[in-house]
C-alpha atoms as a PDB file:
ATOM      1  CA  UNK A   1       1.391  10.605 -41.435  1.00  0.00           C
ATOM      2  CA  UNK A   2       1.423   7.156 -39.815  1.00  0.00           C
ATOM      3  CA  UNK A   3       4.433   6.188 -37.702  1.00  0.00           C
ATOM      4  CA  UNK A   4       7.002   3.993 -39.396  1.00  0.00           C
ATOM      5  CA  UNK A   5       7.781   0.515 -38.165  1.00  0.00           C
ATOM      6  CA  UNK A   6      10.989   1.835 -36.539  1.00  0.00           C
ATOM      7  CA  UNK A   7       9.067   4.601 -34.727  1.00  0.00           C
ATOM      8  CA  UNK A   8       6.547   2.059 -33.404  1.00  0.00           C
ATOM      9  CA  UNK A   9       9.407  -0.179 -32.249  1.00  0.00           C
ATOM     10  CA  UNK A  10      11.130   2.772 -30.550  1.00  0.00           C
ATOM     11  CA  UNK A  11       7.906   3.693 -28.739  1.00  0.00           C
ATOM     12  CA  UNK A  12       7.446   0.102 -27.537  1.00  0.00           C
ATOM     13  CA  UNK A  13      11.078  -0.121 -26.356  1.00  0.00           C
ATOM     14  CA  UNK A  14      10.729   3.219 -24.583  1.00  0.00           C
ATOM     15  CA  UNK A  15       7.555   2.078 -22.840  1.00  0.00           C
ATOM     16  CA  UNK A  16       9.224  -1.211 -21.917  1.00  0.00           C
ATOM     17  CA  UNK A  17      12.228   0.700 -20.547  1.00  0.00           C
ATOM     18  CA  UNK A  18       9.972   3.001 -18.556  1.00  0.00           C
ATOM     19  CA  UNK A  19       8.105   0.033 -17.098  1.00  0.00           C
ATOM     20  CA  UNK A  20      11.358  -1.772 -16.302  1.00  0.00           C
ATOM     21  CA  UNK A  21      12.963   1.306 -14.710  1.00  0.00           C
ATOM     22  CA  UNK A  22       9.926   2.138 -12.577  1.00  0.00           C
ATOM     23  CA  UNK A  23       9.737  -1.492 -11.436  1.00  0.00           C
ATOM     24  CA  UNK A  24      13.441  -1.422 -10.535  1.00  0.00           C
ATOM     25  CA  UNK A  25      12.983   1.794  -8.525  1.00  0.00           C
ATOM     26  CA  UNK A  26       9.965   0.365  -6.673  1.00  0.00           C
ATOM     27  CA  UNK A  27      11.806  -2.862  -5.931  1.00  0.00           C
ATOM     28  CA  UNK A  28      14.872  -0.955  -4.742  1.00  0.00           C
ATOM     29  CA  UNK A  29      12.884   1.156  -2.282  1.00  0.00           C
ATOM     30  CA  UNK A  30      11.029  -1.879  -0.937  1.00  0.00           C
ATOM     31  CA  UNK A  31      14.351  -3.674  -0.482  1.00  0.00           C
ATOM     32  CA  UNK A  32      15.869  -0.660   1.283  1.00  0.00           C
ATOM     33  CA  UNK A  33      12.844  -0.390   3.584  1.00  0.00           C
ATOM     34  CA  UNK A  34      13.710  -3.811   4.964  1.00  0.00           C
ATOM     35  CA  UNK A  35      17.079  -2.429   6.114  1.00  0.00           C
ATOM     36  CA  UNK A  36      16.494   1.298   6.771  1.00  0.00           C
ATOM     37  CA  UNK A  37      13.824   3.641   8.084  1.00  0.00           C
ATOM     38  CA  UNK A  38      12.205   5.617   5.270  1.00  0.00           C
ATOM     39  CA  UNK A  39      13.493   9.048   6.373  1.00  0.00           C
ATOM     40  CA  UNK A  40      17.062   7.698   6.173  1.00  0.00           C
ATOM     41  CA  UNK A  41      16.731   6.512   2.555  1.00  0.00           C
ATOM     42  CA  UNK A  42      18.205   8.843  -0.066  1.00  0.00           C
ATOM     43  CA  UNK A  43      17.752   9.005  -3.822  1.00  0.00           C
ATOM     44  CA  UNK A  44      21.406   7.966  -4.133  1.00  0.00           C
ATOM     45  CA  UNK A  45      20.684   4.793  -2.157  1.00  0.00           C
ATOM     46  CA  UNK A  46      17.633   4.005  -4.296  1.00  0.00           C
ATOM     47  CA  UNK A  47      19.418   4.431  -7.639  1.00  0.00           C
ATOM     48  CA  UNK A  48      22.386   2.408  -6.440  1.00  0.00           C
ATOM     49  CA  UNK A  49      20.071  -0.417  -5.335  1.00  0.00           C
ATOM     50  CA  UNK A  50      18.094  -0.183  -8.607  1.00  0.00           C
ATOM     51  CA  UNK A  51      21.256   0.077 -10.713  1.00  0.00           C
ATOM     52  CA  UNK A  52      19.982   3.125 -12.623  1.00  0.00           C
ATOM     53  CA  UNK A  53      21.399   6.599 -13.116  1.00  0.00           C
ATOM     54  CA  UNK A  54      20.763   9.379 -10.630  1.00  0.00           C
ATOM     55  CA  UNK A  55      19.035  11.622 -13.207  1.00  0.00           C
ATOM     56  CA  UNK A  56      16.890   8.683 -14.293  1.00  0.00           C
ATOM     57  CA  UNK A  57      15.182   8.680 -10.900  1.00  0.00           C
ATOM     58  CA  UNK A  58      13.984  12.257 -11.414  1.00  0.00           C
ATOM     59  CA  UNK A  59      12.546  11.462 -14.854  1.00  0.00           C
ATOM     60  CA  UNK A  60      10.132   9.163 -13.052  1.00  0.00           C
ATOM     61  CA  UNK A  61       9.596  10.657  -9.578  1.00  0.00           C
ATOM     62  CA  UNK A  62      10.212  14.091  -8.044  1.00  0.00           C
ATOM     63  CA  UNK A  63      11.392  12.587  -4.737  1.00  0.00           C
ATOM     64  CA  UNK A  64      11.404   9.501  -2.508  1.00  0.00           C
ATOM     65  CA  UNK A  65       7.976  10.311  -1.091  1.00  0.00           C
ATOM     66  CA  UNK A  66       6.424  10.249  -4.574  1.00  0.00           C
ATOM     67  CA  UNK A  67       7.979   6.829  -5.158  1.00  0.00           C
ATOM     68  CA  UNK A  68       6.631   5.584  -1.825  1.00  0.00           C
ATOM     69  CA  UNK A  69       3.187   6.964  -2.710  1.00  0.00           C
ATOM     70  CA  UNK A  70       3.351   5.151  -6.056  1.00  0.00           C
ATOM     71  CA  UNK A  71       4.160   1.919  -4.210  1.00  0.00           C
ATOM     72  CA  UNK A  72       1.302   2.585  -1.770  1.00  0.00           C
ATOM     73  CA  UNK A  73      -1.150   2.930  -4.665  1.00  0.00           C
ATOM     74  CA  UNK A  74       0.028  -0.350  -6.183  1.00  0.00           C
ATOM     75  CA  UNK A  75      -0.125  -2.088  -2.798  1.00  0.00           C
ATOM     76  CA  UNK A  76      -3.665  -0.899  -2.093  1.00  0.00           C
ATOM     77  CA  UNK A  77      -4.752  -2.024  -5.585  1.00  0.00           C
ATOM     78  CA  UNK A  78      -3.064  -5.390  -5.050  1.00  0.00           C
ATOM     79  CA  UNK A  79      -4.729  -5.736  -1.667  1.00  0.00           C
ATOM     80  CA  UNK A  80      -8.180  -4.977  -3.024  1.00  0.00           C
ATOM     81  CA  UNK A  81      -7.756  -7.338  -5.988  1.00  0.00           C
ATOM     82  CA  UNK A  82      -6.364 -10.132  -3.846  1.00  0.00           C
ATOM     83  CA  UNK A  83      -8.844  -9.640  -1.028  1.00  0.00           C
ATOM     84  CA  UNK A  84     -12.047  -9.113  -3.030  1.00  0.00           C
ATOM     85  CA  UNK A  85     -13.367 -12.680  -2.587  1.00  0.00           C
ATOM     86  CA  UNK A  86     -12.553 -12.567   1.125  1.00  0.00           C
ATOM     87  CA  UNK A  87     -14.088  -9.101   1.564  1.00  0.00           C
ATOM     88  CA  UNK A  88     -17.336 -10.351   0.101  1.00  0.00           C
ATOM     89  CA  UNK A  89     -17.408 -13.121   2.688  1.00  0.00           C
ATOM     90  CA  UNK A  90     -19.616 -12.751   5.712  1.00  0.00           C
ATOM     91  CA  UNK A  91     -16.844 -14.334   7.816  1.00  0.00           C
ATOM     92  CA  UNK A  92     -15.400 -11.294   9.584  1.00  0.00           C
ATOM     93  CA  UNK A  93     -12.626 -13.286  11.240  1.00  0.00           C
ATOM     94  CA  UNK A  94     -11.464 -14.652   7.867  1.00  0.00           C
ATOM     95  CA  UNK A  95     -11.421 -11.139   6.403  1.00  0.00           C
ATOM     96  CA  UNK A  96      -9.411  -9.747   9.303  1.00  0.00           C
ATOM     97  CA  UNK A  97      -6.916 -12.639   9.306  1.00  0.00           C
ATOM     98  CA  UNK A  98      -6.391 -12.261   5.556  1.00  0.00           C
ATOM     99  CA  UNK A  99      -5.727  -8.536   6.075  1.00  0.00           C
ATOM    100  CA  UNK A 100      -3.227  -9.245   8.858  1.00  0.00           C
ATOM    101  CA  UNK A 101      -1.458 -11.882   6.719  1.00  0.00           C
ATOM    102  CA  UNK A 102      -1.238  -9.428   3.803  1.00  0.00           C
ATOM    103  CA  UNK A 103       0.316  -6.791   6.061  1.00  0.00           C
ATOM    104  CA  UNK A 104       2.683  -9.238   7.771  1.00  0.00           C
ATOM    105  CA  UNK A 105       4.072 -10.280   4.375  1.00  0.00           C
ATOM    106  CA  UNK A 106       4.843  -6.596   3.672  1.00  0.00           C
ATOM    107  CA  UNK A 107       5.875  -5.432   7.131  1.00  0.00           C
ATOM    108  CA  UNK A 108       8.671  -3.057   6.105  1.00  0.00           C
ATOM    109  CA  UNK A 109       6.581  -1.415   3.407  1.00  0.00           C
ATOM    110  CA  UNK A 110       3.512  -1.072   5.632  1.00  0.00           C
ATOM    111  CA  UNK A 111       5.659   0.344   8.447  1.00  0.00           C
ATOM    112  CA  UNK A 112       7.014   2.948   6.030  1.00  0.00           C
ATOM    113  CA  UNK A 113       3.541   3.820   4.762  1.00  0.00           C
ATOM    114  CA  UNK A 114       1.886   4.042   8.170  1.00  0.00           C
ATOM    115  CA  UNK A 115       4.704   5.210  10.428  1.00  0.00           C
ATOM    116  CA  UNK A 116       7.801   6.409   8.585  1.00  0.00           C
ATOM    117  CA  UNK A 117       6.518   7.898   5.329  1.00  0.00           C
ATOM    118  CA  UNK A 118       5.133  11.067   6.810  1.00  0.00           C
ATOM    119  CA  UNK A 119       1.640  12.472   7.114  1.00  0.00           C
ATOM    120  CA  UNK A 120       1.237  13.133   3.386  1.00  0.00           C
ATOM    121  CA  UNK A 121       1.921   9.511   2.426  1.00  0.00           C
ATOM    122  CA  UNK A 122      -0.333   8.146   5.162  1.00  0.00           C
ATOM    123  CA  UNK A 123      -3.137  10.589   4.345  1.00  0.00           C
ATOM    124  CA  UNK A 124      -2.908   9.733   0.635  1.00  0.00           C
ATOM    125  CA  UNK A 125      -2.915   5.990   1.352  1.00  0.00           C
ATOM    126  CA  UNK A 126      -5.931   6.404   3.637  1.00  0.00           C
ATOM    127  CA  UNK A 127      -7.835   8.421   1.026  1.00  0.00           C
ATOM    128  CA  UNK A 128      -7.191   5.728  -1.578  1.00  0.00           C
ATOM    129  CA  UNK A 129      -8.208   2.967   0.829  1.00  0.00           C
ATOM    130  CA  UNK A 130     -11.428   4.826   1.673  1.00  0.00           C
ATOM    131  CA  UNK A 131     -12.204   5.262  -2.041  1.00  0.00           C
ATOM    132  CA  UNK A 132     -11.617   1.557  -2.692  1.00  0.00           C
ATOM    133  CA  UNK A 133     -13.509   0.566   0.441  1.00  0.00           C
ATOM    134  CA  UNK A 134     -16.527   2.614  -0.597  1.00  0.00           C
ATOM    135  CA  UNK A 135     -16.761   0.658  -3.842  1.00  0.00           C
ATOM    136  CA  UNK A 136     -16.635  -2.803  -2.231  1.00  0.00           C
ATOM    137  CA  UNK A 137     -19.960  -4.384  -1.319  1.00  0.00           C
ATOM    138  CA  UNK A 138     -18.915  -5.253   2.239  1.00  0.00           C
ATOM    139  CA  UNK A 139     -21.750  -5.881   4.645  1.00  0.00           C
ATOM    140  CA  UNK A 140     -21.834  -2.840   6.937  1.00  0.00           C
ATOM    141  CA  UNK A 141     -24.483  -1.989   9.493  1.00  0.00           C
ATOM    142  CA  UNK A 142     -27.335  -0.462   7.449  1.00  0.00           C
ATOM    143  CA  UNK A 143     -28.019   2.054  10.234  1.00  0.00           C
ATOM    144  CA  UNK A 144     -24.580   3.628   9.686  1.00  0.00           C
ATOM    145  CA  UNK A 145     -24.053   5.724   6.530  1.00  0.00           C
ATOM    146  CA  UNK A 146     -21.709   3.797   4.204  1.00  0.00           C
ATOM    147  CA  UNK A 147     -19.155   6.607   3.883  1.00  0.00           C
ATOM    148  CA  UNK A 148     -18.973   6.904   7.680  1.00  0.00           C
ATOM    149  CA  UNK A 149     -18.605   3.142   8.154  1.00  0.00           C
ATOM    150  CA  UNK A 150     -15.800   2.940   5.561  1.00  0.00           C
ATOM    151  CA  UNK A 151     -14.025   6.011   6.934  1.00  0.00           C
ATOM    152  CA  UNK A 152     -14.191   4.611  10.469  1.00  0.00           C
ATOM    153  CA  UNK A 153     -12.977   1.164   9.402  1.00  0.00           C
ATOM    154  CA  UNK A 154     -10.048   2.510   7.350  1.00  0.00           C
ATOM    155  CA  UNK A 155      -8.957   4.979  10.057  1.00  0.00           C
ATOM    156  CA  UNK A 156      -9.229   2.325  12.758  1.00  0.00           C
ATOM    157  CA  UNK A 157      -7.376  -0.251  10.647  1.00  0.00           C
ATOM    158  CA  UNK A 158      -4.550   2.153   9.773  1.00  0.00           C
ATOM    159  CA  UNK A 159      -4.132   3.328  13.384  1.00  0.00           C
ATOM    160  CA  UNK A 160      -4.321  -0.167  14.853  1.00  0.00           C
ATOM    161  CA  UNK A 161      -1.919  -1.628  12.280  1.00  0.00           C
ATOM    162  CA  UNK A 162       0.511   1.258  12.886  1.00  0.00           C
ATOM    163  CA  UNK A 163       0.470   0.329  16.571  1.00  0.00           C
ATOM    164  CA  UNK A 164       1.085  -3.360  15.744  1.00  0.00           C
ATOM    165  CA  UNK A 165       4.022  -2.484  13.477  1.00  0.00           C
ATOM    166  CA  UNK A 166       5.463  -0.142  16.100  1.00  0.00           C
ATOM    167  CA  UNK A 167       4.976  -0.632  19.852  1.00  0.00           C
ATOM    168  CA  UNK A 168       2.984  -3.865  19.380  1.00  0.00           C
ATOM    169  CA  UNK A 169       5.587  -5.657  17.230  1.00  0.00           C
ATOM    170  CA  UNK A 170       5.733  -8.682  19.515  1.00  0.00           C
ATOM    171  CA  UNK A 171       2.025  -9.498  19.308  1.00  0.00           C
ATOM    172  CA  UNK A 172       1.265 -12.699  17.379  1.00  0.00           C
ATOM    173  CA  UNK A 173      -0.755 -12.479  14.157  1.00  0.00           C
ATOM    174  CA  UNK A 174      -3.815 -14.351  15.442  1.00  0.00           C
ATOM    175  CA  UNK A 175      -3.998 -12.291  18.614  1.00  0.00           C
ATOM    176  CA  UNK A 176      -3.635  -9.079  16.643  1.00  0.00           C
ATOM    177  CA  UNK A 177      -6.252 -10.213  14.081  1.00  0.00           C
ATOM    178  CA  UNK A 178      -8.751 -10.728  16.924  1.00  0.00           C
ATOM    179  CA  UNK A 179      -7.965  -7.270  18.336  1.00  0.00           C
ATOM    180  CA  UNK A 180      -8.251  -5.658  14.906  1.00  0.00           C
ATOM    181  CA  UNK A 181     -11.621  -7.308  14.321  1.00  0.00           C
ATOM    182  CA  UNK A 182     -12.939  -6.068  17.664  1.00  0.00           C
ATOM    183  CA  UNK A 183     -11.529  -2.535  17.366  1.00  0.00           C
ATOM    184  CA  UNK A 184     -11.960  -1.718  13.677  1.00  0.00           C
ATOM    185  CA  UNK A 185     -14.490  -3.980  12.020  1.00  0.00           C
ATOM    186  CA  UNK A 186     -17.015  -5.127  14.625  1.00  0.00           C
ATOM    187  CA  UNK A 187     -18.325  -1.606  15.366  1.00  0.00           C
ATOM    188  CA  UNK A 188     -19.502  -1.102  11.759  1.00  0.00           C
ATOM    189  CA  UNK A 189     -20.332  -4.615  10.517  1.00  0.00           C
ATOM    190  CA  UNK A 190     -23.887  -5.914  10.593  1.00  0.00           C
END
């Protein structure tokens, strides 16, 4: 039997509510990351910031780490979509500067993902970045197997950015972009 008009409307409203609630939870965690280290953020803080019920959080995510991982996935997708034209460019400096600008605009989130979110979050983010990176036609040295070049670049980028967001906080963007290019990209680019 086909759903009635009311059932279709209820399904749409439910989906819209789910989308709205998940967006509110993501936004709340990102906002909290600007003021607190990730390990110090509780579910109670997130739901208060999102203005949703405590039980509502657990209908969407099992814990704060799952929410952070969800945000990491969205951020990596956003990065790849935004950066695709730049990644296809042969201008390595432009690619690296665009990456550094993207990270600098999301400092608190990137710090949480790379430093404060724990090994599971970082490992998951790296695996997703490697998967995306393997599908992008970036010009790597043809003498280096593609999967090795991508794995090296992602690991080097994550480690170098984690340093910049931690002990290297005072380094200017352009200086860091030059370092990142030399350390992470130059060894595998043709």
